[in-house]
């Protein structure tokens, strides 16, 4: 009887571990939809005349997704310290792909970041 209880308890822990792993891995993954919404919101704020650093700070405060919130805060800090937005985004290759970073570089170089 003790062996059966031990066996059931072991499998309950294994299943709980898998559930926790899948929950957190999905919760901490930043989807393309979230990235698109982030870019759209930055664009809207820049079009409205809000400075880039202020827009990033607002988005970092408003974002509820923990991973994206952390990334936006890091981008804000990096830009505040003198780096370009493209360089700050390049530090997160799992979230921002090379094509997006290239588009941001072109926008920064041409002075048309709000149109990129």
Protein backbone atom coordinates (compact mmCIF):
# COMPACT_ATOMS: atom_id res chain seq x y z
CA UNK A 1 0.00 0.00 0.00
CA UNK A 2 2.80 2.40 0.88
CA UNK A 3 4.45 1.71 -2.48
CA UNK A 4 1.22 2.53 -4.34
CA UNK A 5 0.87 5.85 -2.50
CA UNK A 6 4.51 6.64 -3.20
CA UNK A 7 4.04 5.76 -6.88
CA UNK A 8 0.90 7.92 -7.19
CA UNK A 9 2.63 10.81 -5.42
CA UNK A 10 5.62 10.56 -7.75
CA UNK A 11 3.46 10.73 -10.86
CA UNK A 12 1.43 13.60 -9.41
CA UNK A 13 4.67 15.56 -9.00
CA UNK A 14 5.79 14.70 -12.54
CA UNK A 15 2.46 15.83 -14.00
CA UNK A 16 2.48 19.02 -11.91
CA UNK A 17 6.00 19.75 -13.17
CA UNK A 18 4.95 19.37 -16.80
CA UNK A 19 1.90 21.57 -16.28
CA UNK A 20 4.03 24.27 -14.63
CA UNK A 21 6.65 24.06 -17.39
CA UNK A 22 4.13 24.46 -20.21
CA UNK A 23 2.28 27.23 -18.38
CA UNK A 24 5.42 29.30 -17.76
CA UNK A 25 6.97 28.63 -21.17
CA UNK A 26 3.81 29.92 -22.87
CA UNK A 27 3.44 32.79 -20.40
CA UNK A 28 6.99 33.98 -20.97
CA UNK A 29 6.92 33.59 -24.77
CA UNK A 30 6.34 36.82 -26.70
CA UNK A 31 4.11 36.08 -29.69
CA UNK A 32 4.27 37.81 -33.07
CA UNK A 33 0.85 39.28 -32.29
CA UNK A 34 2.23 41.00 -29.18
CA UNK A 35 5.24 42.30 -31.11
CA UNK A 36 2.95 43.66 -33.85
CA UNK A 37 0.75 45.37 -31.24
CA UNK A 38 3.86 46.85 -29.58
CA UNK A 39 5.11 48.26 -32.90
CA UNK A 40 1.67 49.63 -33.75
CA UNK A 41 1.39 51.37 -30.37
CA UNK A 42 4.89 52.89 -30.67
CA UNK A 43 4.00 54.14 -34.15
CA UNK A 44 0.74 55.70 -32.95
CA UNK A 45 2.52 57.47 -30.09
CA UNK A 46 5.27 58.80 -32.36
CA UNK A 47 2.63 60.03 -34.85
CA UNK A 48 0.93 61.83 -31.96
CA UNK A 49 4.18 63.68 -31.23
CA UNK A 50 5.15 61.76 -28.11
CA UNK A 51 8.96 61.47 -27.85
CA UNK A 52 10.36 57.97 -28.29
CA UNK A 53 11.69 57.60 -24.73
CA UNK A 54 8.36 58.71 -23.28
CA UNK A 55 6.49 56.29 -25.58
CA UNK A 56 8.70 53.40 -24.47
CA UNK A 57 8.21 54.32 -20.82
CA UNK A 58 4.43 54.46 -21.25
CA UNK A 59 4.38 51.10 -23.00
CA UNK A 60 6.60 49.52 -20.34
CA UNK A 61 4.14 50.69 -17.69
CA UNK A 62 1.02 49.61 -19.62
CA UNK A 63 2.18 46.21 -20.88
CA UNK A 64 0.79 43.36 -18.82
CA UNK A 65 2.86 40.58 -20.41
CA UNK A 66 5.84 40.10 -18.05
CA UNK A 67 8.44 39.16 -20.67
CA UNK A 68 7.47 41.98 -23.06
CA UNK A 69 7.38 44.45 -20.16
CA UNK A 70 10.94 43.48 -19.22
CA UNK A 71 12.13 43.78 -22.83
CA UNK A 72 10.52 47.21 -23.31
CA UNK A 73 12.14 48.43 -20.08
CA UNK A 74 15.53 47.18 -21.32
CA UNK A 75 15.03 48.90 -24.69
CA UNK A 76 14.08 52.14 -22.91
CA UNK A 77 17.19 51.98 -20.71
CA UNK A 78 19.43 51.18 -23.66
CA UNK A 79 18.08 54.06 -25.76
CA UNK A 80 18.28 56.39 -22.76
CA UNK A 81 21.97 55.44 -22.48
CA UNK A 82 22.61 56.51 -26.07
CA UNK A 83 22.09 53.33 -28.10
CA UNK A 84 19.87 53.19 -31.14
CA UNK A 85 16.48 51.50 -31.01
CA UNK A 86 17.71 48.93 -33.53
CA UNK A 87 20.73 48.10 -31.37
CA UNK A 88 18.53 47.79 -28.29
CA UNK A 89 16.09 45.52 -30.13
CA UNK A 90 18.95 43.42 -31.51
CA UNK A 91 19.67 42.33 -27.93
CA UNK A 92 16.43 40.32 -28.11
CA UNK A 93 16.72 38.16 -31.26
CA UNK A 94 14.05 35.72 -30.11
CA UNK A 95 11.52 38.55 -30.10
CA UNK A 96 12.68 40.91 -32.87
CA UNK A 97 13.90 39.27 -36.08
CA UNK A 98 16.60 40.61 -38.43
CA UNK A 99 14.06 41.99 -40.89
CA UNK A 100 12.34 44.09 -38.23
CA UNK A 101 15.66 45.36 -36.90
CA UNK A 102 16.70 46.25 -40.47
CA UNK A 103 13.49 48.24 -40.99
CA UNK A 104 14.09 50.12 -37.72
CA UNK A 105 17.71 50.88 -38.78
CA UNK A 106 16.49 52.34 -42.07
CA UNK A 107 13.91 54.44 -40.23
CA UNK A 108 16.50 55.73 -37.77
CA UNK A 109 19.05 56.49 -40.49
CA UNK A 110 16.53 58.33 -42.64
CA UNK A 111 14.93 60.14 -39.74
CA UNK A 112 11.59 58.50 -40.49
CA UNK A 113 11.34 56.08 -37.58
CA UNK A 114 7.67 56.91 -37.05
CA UNK A 115 6.95 55.81 -40.64
CA UNK A 116 8.92 52.54 -40.43
